[in-house]
PDB file of N, CA and C in Angstrom:
ATOM      1  N   UNK A   1     229.674 116.849 119.847  1.00  0.00           N
ATOM      2  CA  UNK A   1     229.335 116.064 118.696  1.00  0.00           C
ATOM      3  C   UNK A   1     227.883 116.244 118.285  1.00  0.00           C
ATOM      4  N   UNK A   2     226.985 116.296 119.255  1.00  0.00           N
ATOM      5  CA  UNK A   2     225.562 116.460 118.936  1.00  0.00           C
ATOM      6  C   UNK A   2     225.319 117.807 118.264  1.00  0.00           C
ATOM      7  N   UNK A   3     225.987 118.858 118.732  1.00  0.00           N
ATOM      8  CA  UNK A   3     225.820 120.169 118.098  1.00  0.00           C
ATOM      9  C   UNK A   3     226.371 120.149 116.675  1.00  0.00           C
ATOM     10  N   UNK A   4     227.498 119.486 116.461  1.00  0.00           N
ATOM     11  CA  UNK A   4     228.034 119.392 115.100  1.00  0.00           C
ATOM     12  C   UNK A   4     227.064 118.659 114.186  1.00  0.00           C
ATOM     13  N   UNK A   5     226.373 117.672 114.714  1.00  0.00           N
ATOM     14  CA  UNK A   5     225.441 116.897 113.907  1.00  0.00           C
ATOM     15  C   UNK A   5     224.104 117.580 113.676  1.00  0.00           C
ATOM     16  N   UNK A   6     223.513 118.138 114.729  1.00  0.00           N
ATOM     17  CA  UNK A   6     222.158 118.688 114.619  1.00  0.00           C
ATOM     18  C   UNK A   6     222.041 120.149 115.033  1.00  0.00           C
ATOM     19  N   UNK A   7     223.162 120.800 115.255  1.00  0.00           N
ATOM     20  CA  UNK A   7     223.121 122.187 115.704  1.00  0.00           C
ATOM     21  C   UNK A   7     223.061 123.184 114.562  1.00  0.00           C
ATOM     22  N   UNK A   8     222.711 124.413 114.922  1.00  0.00           N
ATOM     23  CA  UNK A   8     222.687 125.523 113.979  1.00  0.00           C
ATOM     24  C   UNK A   8     224.076 126.127 113.918  1.00  0.00           C
ATOM     25  N   UNK A   9     224.613 126.273 112.728  1.00  0.00           N
ATOM     26  CA  UNK A   9     225.991 126.715 112.543  1.00  0.00           C
ATOM     27  C   UNK A   9     226.298 128.054 113.206  1.00  0.00           C
ATOM     28  N   UNK A  10     225.386 129.001 113.124  1.00  0.00           N
ATOM     29  CA  UNK A  10     225.676 130.355 113.595  1.00  0.00           C
ATOM     30  C   UNK A  10     225.175 130.652 115.002  1.00  0.00           C
ATOM     31  N   UNK A  11     224.665 129.643 115.695  1.00  0.00           N
ATOM     32  CA  UNK A  11     224.126 129.887 117.034  1.00  0.00           C
ATOM     33  C   UNK A  11     224.279 128.645 117.905  1.00  0.00           C
ATOM     34  N   UNK A  12     224.074 128.846 119.188  1.00  0.00           N
ATOM     35  CA  UNK A  12     224.121 127.732 120.135  1.00  0.00           C
ATOM     36  C   UNK A  12     222.736 127.116 120.214  1.00  0.00           C
ATOM     37  N   UNK A  13     222.264 126.589 119.092  1.00  0.00           N
ATOM     38  CA  UNK A  13     220.943 125.973 119.015  1.00  0.00           C
ATOM     39  C   UNK A  13     221.080 124.587 118.419  1.00  0.00           C
ATOM     40  N   UNK A  14     220.212 123.695 118.879  1.00  0.00           N
ATOM     41  CA  UNK A  14     220.208 122.335 118.351  1.00  0.00           C
ATOM     42  C   UNK A  14     218.756 121.905 118.160  1.00  0.00           C
ATOM     43  N   UNK A  15     218.503 121.178 117.097  1.00  0.00           N
ATOM     44  CA  UNK A  15     217.165 120.673 116.814  1.00  0.00           C
ATOM     45  C   UNK A  15     217.176 119.165 116.985  1.00  0.00           C
ATOM     46  N   UNK A  16     216.479 118.696 118.011  1.00  0.00           N
ATOM     47  CA  UNK A  16     216.405 117.260 118.269  1.00  0.00           C
ATOM     48  C   UNK A  16     215.158 116.949 119.081  1.00  0.00           C
ATOM     49  N   UNK A  17     214.638 115.769 118.890  1.00  0.00           N
ATOM     50  CA  UNK A  17     213.510 115.301 119.696  1.00  0.00           C
ATOM     51  C   UNK A  17     213.984 114.296 120.740  1.00  0.00           C
ATOM     52  N   UNK A  18     215.287 114.047 120.786  1.00  0.00           N
ATOM     53  CA  UNK A  18     215.861 113.064 121.705  1.00  0.00           C
ATOM     54  C   UNK A  18     216.024 113.690 123.090  1.00  0.00           C
ATOM     55  N   UNK A  19     215.243 113.243 124.078  1.00  0.00           N
ATOM     56  CA  UNK A  19     215.310 113.848 125.411  1.00  0.00           C
ATOM     57  C   UNK A  19     216.677 113.697 126.078  1.00  0.00           C
ATOM     58  N   UNK A  20     217.386 112.616 125.808  1.00  0.00           N
ATOM     59  CA  UNK A  20     218.716 112.428 126.406  1.00  0.00           C
ATOM     60  C   UNK A  20     219.690 113.486 125.897  1.00  0.00           C
ATOM     61  N   UNK A  21     219.656 113.755 124.607  1.00  0.00           N
ATOM     62  CA  UNK A  21     220.540 114.778 124.037  1.00  0.00           C
ATOM     63  C   UNK A  21     220.177 116.146 124.601  1.00  0.00           C
ATOM     64  N   UNK A  22     218.886 116.450 124.678  1.00  0.00           N
ATOM     65  CA  UNK A  22     218.451 117.732 125.233  1.00  0.00           C
ATOM     66  C   UNK A  22     218.919 117.906 126.674  1.00  0.00           C
ATOM     67  N   UNK A  23     218.792 116.859 127.493  1.00  0.00           N
ATOM     68  CA  UNK A  23     219.232 116.931 128.888  1.00  0.00           C
ATOM     69  C   UNK A  23     220.730 117.196 128.986  1.00  0.00           C
ATOM     70  N   UNK A  24     221.510 116.526 128.153  1.00  0.00           N
ATOM     71  CA  UNK A  24     222.962 116.716 128.203  1.00  0.00           C
ATOM     72  C   UNK A  24     223.355 118.116 127.755  1.00  0.00           C
ATOM     73  N   UNK A  25     222.693 118.627 126.714  1.00  0.00           N
ATOM     74  CA  UNK A  25     222.983 119.983 126.232  1.00  0.00           C
ATOM     75  C   UNK A  25     222.597 121.002 127.307  1.00  0.00           C
ATOM     76  N   UNK A  26     221.411 120.853 127.892  1.00  0.00           N
ATOM     77  CA  UNK A  26     220.962 121.772 128.936  1.00  0.00           C
ATOM     78  C   UNK A  26     221.873 121.706 130.155  1.00  0.00           C
ATOM     79  N   UNK A  27     222.453 120.538 130.420  1.00  0.00           N
ATOM     80  CA  UNK A  27     223.369 120.381 131.540  1.00  0.00           C
ATOM     81  C   UNK A  27     224.682 121.124 131.360  1.00  0.00           C
ATOM     82  N   UNK A  28     224.969 121.529 130.138  1.00  0.00           N
ATOM     83  CA  UNK A  28     226.200 122.272 129.840  1.00  0.00           C
ATOM     84  C   UNK A  28     226.069 123.754 130.159  1.00  0.00           C
ATOM     85  N   UNK A  29     224.863 124.206 130.492  1.00  0.00           N
ATOM     86  CA  UNK A  29     224.655 125.617 130.815  1.00  0.00           C
ATOM     87  C   UNK A  29     223.689 126.271 129.855  1.00  0.00           C
ATOM     88  N   UNK A  30     223.542 127.582 130.001  1.00  0.00           N
ATOM     89  CA  UNK A  30     222.597 128.301 129.147  1.00  0.00           C
ATOM     90  C   UNK A  30     223.175 128.526 127.751  1.00  0.00           C
ATOM     91  N   UNK A  31     222.337 129.053 126.868  1.00  0.00           N
ATOM     92  CA  UNK A  31     222.731 129.247 125.465  1.00  0.00           C
ATOM     93  C   UNK A  31     223.926 130.182 125.335  1.00  0.00           C
ATOM     94  N   UNK A  32     223.986 131.219 126.169  1.00  0.00           N
ATOM     95  CA  UNK A  32     225.100 132.170 126.090  1.00  0.00           C
ATOM     96  C   UNK A  32     226.424 131.490 126.437  1.00  0.00           C
ATOM     97  N   UNK A  33     226.420 130.634 127.453  1.00  0.00           N
ATOM     98  CA  UNK A  33     227.644 129.918 127.834  1.00  0.00           C
ATOM     99  C   UNK A  33     228.061 128.942 126.743  1.00  0.00           C
ATOM    100  N   UNK A  34     227.083 128.237 126.170  1.00  0.00           N
ATOM    101  CA  UNK A  34     227.393 127.299 125.093  1.00  0.00           C
ATOM    102  C   UNK A  34     227.915 128.044 123.871  1.00  0.00           C
ATOM    103  N   UNK A  35     227.303 129.173 123.550  1.00  0.00           N
ATOM    104  CA  UNK A  35     227.753 129.954 122.399  1.00  0.00           C
ATOM    105  C   UNK A  35     229.186 130.440 122.611  1.00  0.00           C
ATOM    106  N   UNK A  36     229.513 130.871 123.819  1.00  0.00           N
ATOM    107  CA  UNK A  36     230.878 131.314 124.117  1.00  0.00           C
ATOM    108  C   UNK A  36     231.862 130.156 123.951  1.00  0.00           C
ATOM    109  N   UNK A  37     231.461 128.973 124.401  1.00  0.00           N
ATOM    110  CA  UNK A  37     232.320 127.787 124.255  1.00  0.00           C
ATOM    111  C   UNK A  37     232.541 127.436 122.792  1.00  0.00           C
ATOM    112  N   UNK A  38     231.468 127.485 122.005  1.00  0.00           N
ATOM    113  CA  UNK A  38     231.572 127.180 120.575  1.00  0.00           C
ATOM    114  C   UNK A  38     232.458 128.208 119.869  1.00  0.00           C
ATOM    115  N   UNK A  39     232.341 129.474 120.283  1.00  0.00           N
ATOM    116  CA  UNK A  39     233.175 130.529 119.698  1.00  0.00           C
ATOM    117  C   UNK A  39     234.646 130.285 120.052  1.00  0.00           C
ATOM    118  N   UNK A  40     234.916 129.922 121.296  1.00  0.00           N
ATOM    119  CA  UNK A  40     236.287 129.642 121.729  1.00  0.00           C
ATOM    120  C   UNK A  40     236.884 128.485 120.937  1.00  0.00           C
ATOM    121  N   UNK A  41     236.080 127.474 120.645  1.00  0.00           N
ATOM    122  CA  UNK A  41     236.547 126.327 119.857  1.00  0.00           C
ATOM    123  C   UNK A  41     236.732 126.672 118.384  1.00  0.00           C
ATOM    124  N   UNK A  42     236.175 127.813 117.960  1.00  0.00           N
ATOM    125  CA  UNK A  42     236.305 128.228 116.567  1.00  0.00           C
ATOM    126  C   UNK A  42     235.340 127.543 115.622  1.00  0.00           C
ATOM    127  N   UNK A  43     234.254 126.989 116.157  1.00  0.00           N
ATOM    128  CA  UNK A  43     233.295 126.280 115.304  1.00  0.00           C
ATOM    129  C   UNK A  43     232.015 127.080 115.047  1.00  0.00           C
ATOM    130  N   UNK A  44     231.801 128.144 115.810  1.00  0.00           N
ATOM    131  CA  UNK A  44     230.599 128.943 115.626  1.00  0.00           C
ATOM    132  C   UNK A  44     230.661 129.640 114.268  1.00  0.00           C
ATOM    133  N   UNK A  45     229.690 129.376 113.429  1.00  0.00           N
ATOM    134  CA  UNK A  45     229.658 129.954 112.093  1.00  0.00           C
ATOM    135  C   UNK A  45     230.393 129.131 111.054  1.00  0.00           C
ATOM    136  N   UNK A  46     231.144 128.145 111.510  1.00  0.00           N
ATOM    137  CA  UNK A  46     231.879 127.276 110.581  1.00  0.00           C
ATOM    138  C   UNK A  46     232.065 125.913 111.246  1.00  0.00           C
ATOM    139  N   UNK A  47     231.089 125.039 111.059  1.00  0.00           N
ATOM    140  CA  UNK A  47     231.139 123.721 111.699  1.00  0.00           C
ATOM    141  C   UNK A  47     232.289 122.890 111.155  1.00  0.00           C
ATOM    142  N   UNK A  48     233.068 122.359 112.054  1.00  0.00           N
ATOM    143  CA  UNK A  48     234.140 121.420 111.728  1.00  0.00           C
ATOM    144  C   UNK A  48     234.597 120.784 113.037  1.00  0.00           C
ATOM    145  N   UNK A  49     235.357 119.717 112.936  1.00  0.00           N
ATOM    146  CA  UNK A  49     235.916 119.100 114.138  1.00  0.00           C
ATOM    147  C   UNK A  49     237.223 119.817 114.437  1.00  0.00           C
ATOM    148  N   UNK A  50     237.306 120.521 115.564  1.00  0.00           N
ATOM    149  CA  UNK A  50     238.516 121.265 115.901  1.00  0.00           C
ATOM    150  C   UNK A  50     239.726 120.342 116.067  1.00  0.00           C
ATOM    151  N   UNK A  51     240.881 120.823 115.690  1.00  0.00           N
ATOM    152  CA  UNK A  51     242.111 120.041 115.755  1.00  0.00           C
ATOM    153  C   UNK A  51     242.363 119.500 117.166  1.00  0.00           C
ATOM    154  N   UNK A  52     242.045 120.298 118.205  1.00  0.00           N
ATOM    155  CA  UNK A  52     242.313 119.823 119.563  1.00  0.00           C
ATOM    156  C   UNK A  52     241.509 118.570 119.901  1.00  0.00           C
ATOM    157  N   UNK A  53     240.352 118.375 119.262  1.00  0.00           N
ATOM    158  CA  UNK A  53     239.577 117.155 119.489  1.00  0.00           C
ATOM    159  C   UNK A  53     240.215 115.963 118.797  1.00  0.00           C
ATOM    160  N   UNK A  54     240.863 116.201 117.678  1.00  0.00           N
ATOM    161  CA  UNK A  54     241.533 115.103 116.977  1.00  0.00           C
ATOM    162  C   UNK A  54     242.735 114.604 117.770  1.00  0.00           C
ATOM    163  N   UNK A  55     243.250 115.461 118.644  1.00  0.00           N
ATOM    164  CA  UNK A  55     244.410 115.095 119.472  1.00  0.00           C
ATOM    165  C   UNK A  55     244.032 114.923 120.941  1.00  0.00           C
ATOM    166  N   UNK A  56     242.749 114.895 121.223  1.00  0.00           N
ATOM    167  CA  UNK A  56     242.261 114.796 122.603  1.00  0.00           C
ATOM    168  C   UNK A  56     242.384 113.364 123.122  1.00  0.00           C
ATOM    169  N   UNK A  57     242.001 113.191 124.371  1.00  0.00           N
ATOM    170  CA  UNK A  57     242.038 111.859 124.972  1.00  0.00           C
ATOM    171  C   UNK A  57     241.064 110.933 124.246  1.00  0.00           C
ATOM    172  N   UNK A  58     241.261 109.654 124.433  1.00  0.00           N
ATOM    173  CA  UNK A  58     240.372 108.678 123.799  1.00  0.00           C
ATOM    174  C   UNK A  58     238.927 108.896 124.245  1.00  0.00           C
ATOM    175  N   UNK A  59     238.731 109.183 125.528  1.00  0.00           N
ATOM    176  CA  UNK A  59     237.383 109.411 126.042  1.00  0.00           C
ATOM    177  C   UNK A  59     236.704 110.602 125.380  1.00  0.00           C
ATOM    178  N   UNK A  60     237.454 111.683 125.176  1.00  0.00           N
ATOM    179  CA  UNK A  60     236.889 112.870 124.527  1.00  0.00           C
ATOM    180  C   UNK A  60     236.562 112.589 123.063  1.00  0.00           C
ATOM    181  N   UNK A  61     237.427 111.847 122.396  1.00  0.00           N
ATOM    182  CA  UNK A  61     237.164 111.506 120.990  1.00  0.00           C
ATOM    183  C   UNK A  61     235.961 110.578 120.880  1.00  0.00           C
ATOM    184  N   UNK A  62     235.827 109.655 121.818  1.00  0.00           N
ATOM    185  CA  UNK A  62     234.660 108.762 121.817  1.00  0.00           C
ATOM    186  C   UNK A  62     233.372 109.552 122.059  1.00  0.00           C
ATOM    187  N   UNK A  63     233.424 110.521 122.967  1.00  0.00           N
ATOM    188  CA  UNK A  63     232.246 111.348 123.249  1.00  0.00           C
ATOM    189  C   UNK A  63     231.851 112.161 122.016  1.00  0.00           C
ATOM    190  N   UNK A  64     232.829 112.709 121.318  1.00  0.00           N
ATOM    191  CA  UNK A  64     232.553 113.456 120.090  1.00  0.00           C
ATOM    192  C   UNK A  64     231.914 112.548 119.053  1.00  0.00           C
ATOM    193  N   UNK A  65     232.495 111.380 118.859  1.00  0.00           N
ATOM    194  CA  UNK A  65     231.958 110.423 117.891  1.00  0.00           C
ATOM    195  C   UNK A  65     230.554 109.971 118.289  1.00  0.00           C
ATOM    196  N   UNK A  66     230.333 109.751 119.581  1.00  0.00           N
ATOM    197  CA  UNK A  66     229.003 109.338 120.050  1.00  0.00           C
ATOM    198  C   UNK A  66     227.958 110.395 119.718  1.00  0.00           C
ATOM    199  N   UNK A  67     228.291 111.666 119.930  1.00  0.00           N
ATOM    200  CA  UNK A  67     227.357 112.739 119.599  1.00  0.00           C
ATOM    201  C   UNK A  67     227.055 112.796 118.117  1.00  0.00           C
ATOM    202  N   UNK A  68     228.082 112.623 117.295  1.00  0.00           N
ATOM    203  CA  UNK A  68     227.879 112.626 115.843  1.00  0.00           C
ATOM    204  C   UNK A  68     227.024 111.439 115.409  1.00  0.00           C
ATOM    205  N   UNK A  69     227.303 110.268 115.972  1.00  0.00           N
ATOM    206  CA  UNK A  69     226.528 109.079 115.606  1.00  0.00           C
ATOM    207  C   UNK A  69     225.091 109.162 116.121  1.00  0.00           C
ATOM    208  N   UNK A  70     224.907 109.730 117.308  1.00  0.00           N
ATOM    209  CA  UNK A  70     223.552 109.878 117.855  1.00  0.00           C
ATOM    210  C   UNK A  70     222.686 110.777 116.980  1.00  0.00           C
ATOM    211  N   UNK A  71     223.296 111.742 116.318  1.00  0.00           N
ATOM    212  CA  UNK A  71     222.521 112.691 115.524  1.00  0.00           C
ATOM    213  C   UNK A  71     222.481 112.348 114.039  1.00  0.00           C
ATOM    214  N   UNK A  72     223.579 111.893 113.473  1.00  0.00           N
ATOM    215  CA  UNK A  72     223.653 111.653 112.024  1.00  0.00           C
ATOM    216  C   UNK A  72     224.066 110.232 111.658  1.00  0.00           C
ATOM    217  N   UNK A  73     224.084 109.342 112.627  1.00  0.00           N
ATOM    218  CA  UNK A  73     224.507 107.974 112.350  1.00  0.00           C
ATOM    219  C   UNK A  73     223.333 107.027 112.187  1.00  0.00           C
ATOM    220  N   UNK A  74     223.634 105.860 111.656  1.00  0.00           N
ATOM    221  CA  UNK A  74     222.616 104.826 111.484  1.00  0.00           C
ATOM    222  C   UNK A  74     223.284 103.460 111.522  1.00  0.00           C
ATOM    223  N   UNK A  75     222.502 102.449 111.824  1.00  0.00           N
ATOM    224  CA  UNK A  75     222.985 101.069 111.795  1.00  0.00           C
ATOM    225  C   UNK A  75     222.196 100.351 110.708  1.00  0.00           C
ATOM    226  N   UNK A  76     222.905  99.727 109.782  1.00  0.00           N
ATOM    227  CA  UNK A  76     222.246  99.022 108.680  1.00  0.00           C
ATOM    228  C   UNK A  76     221.649  97.711 109.178  1.00  0.00           C
ATOM    229  N   UNK A  77     220.822  97.086 108.347  1.00  0.00           N
ATOM    230  CA  UNK A  77     220.238  95.784 108.687  1.00  0.00           C
ATOM    231  C   UNK A  77     221.321  94.745 108.936  1.00  0.00           C
ATOM    232  N   UNK A  78     222.468  94.905 108.281  1.00  0.00           N
ATOM    233  CA  UNK A  78     223.577  93.977 108.459  1.00  0.00           C
ATOM    234  C   UNK A  78     224.425  94.267 109.684  1.00  0.00           C
ATOM    235  N   UNK A  79     224.107  95.342 110.420  1.00  0.00           N
ATOM    236  CA  UNK A  79     224.830  95.667 111.644  1.00  0.00           C
ATOM    237  C   UNK A  79     225.982  96.635 111.462  1.00  0.00           C
ATOM    238  N   UNK A  80     226.192  97.148 110.253  1.00  0.00           N
ATOM    239  CA  UNK A  80     227.267  98.116 110.019  1.00  0.00           C
ATOM    240  C   UNK A  80     226.828  99.500 110.501  1.00  0.00           C
ATOM    241  N   UNK A  81     227.757 100.232 111.096  1.00  0.00           N
ATOM    242  CA  UNK A  81     227.485 101.591 111.558  1.00  0.00           C
ATOM    243  C   UNK A  81     227.913 102.554 110.459  1.00  0.00           C
ATOM    244  N   UNK A  82     227.021 103.485 110.117  1.00  0.00           N
ATOM    245  CA  UNK A  82     227.324 104.466 109.079  1.00  0.00           C
ATOM    246  C   UNK A  82     227.098 105.865 109.620  1.00  0.00           C
ATOM    247  N   UNK A  83     227.871 106.781 109.093  1.00  0.00           N
ATOM    248  CA  UNK A  83     227.768 108.188 109.466  1.00  0.00           C
ATOM    249  C   UNK A  83     227.732 109.002 108.185  1.00  0.00           C
ATOM    250  N   UNK A  84     226.796 109.920 108.103  1.00  0.00           N
ATOM    251  CA  UNK A  84     226.630 110.727 106.891  1.00  0.00           C
ATOM    252  C   UNK A  84     226.985 112.175 107.192  1.00  0.00           C
ATOM    253  N   UNK A  85     227.887 112.749 106.392  1.00  0.00           N
ATOM    254  CA  UNK A  85     228.255 114.161 106.583  1.00  0.00           C
ATOM    255  C   UNK A  85     227.639 115.033 105.527  1.00  0.00           C
TER     256      UNK A  85
END
């Protein structure tokens, strides 16, 4: 989710100042391994939510949503959560 929100479409790169996101991305392995994973998912060069994630377990869908909200989400003064695509 974080890569979909703040990542570079054509590479396994992400731009963020959030140390927690950086630690989690680095924990997934080196850039070559991440790029191979993104290519396998079919998102490298064309960002989208892969169909298998839409049918994944609740935990996986929550993790995807958390990454998207961490990078492109906001909470309004009224407490509503918003996501901008």
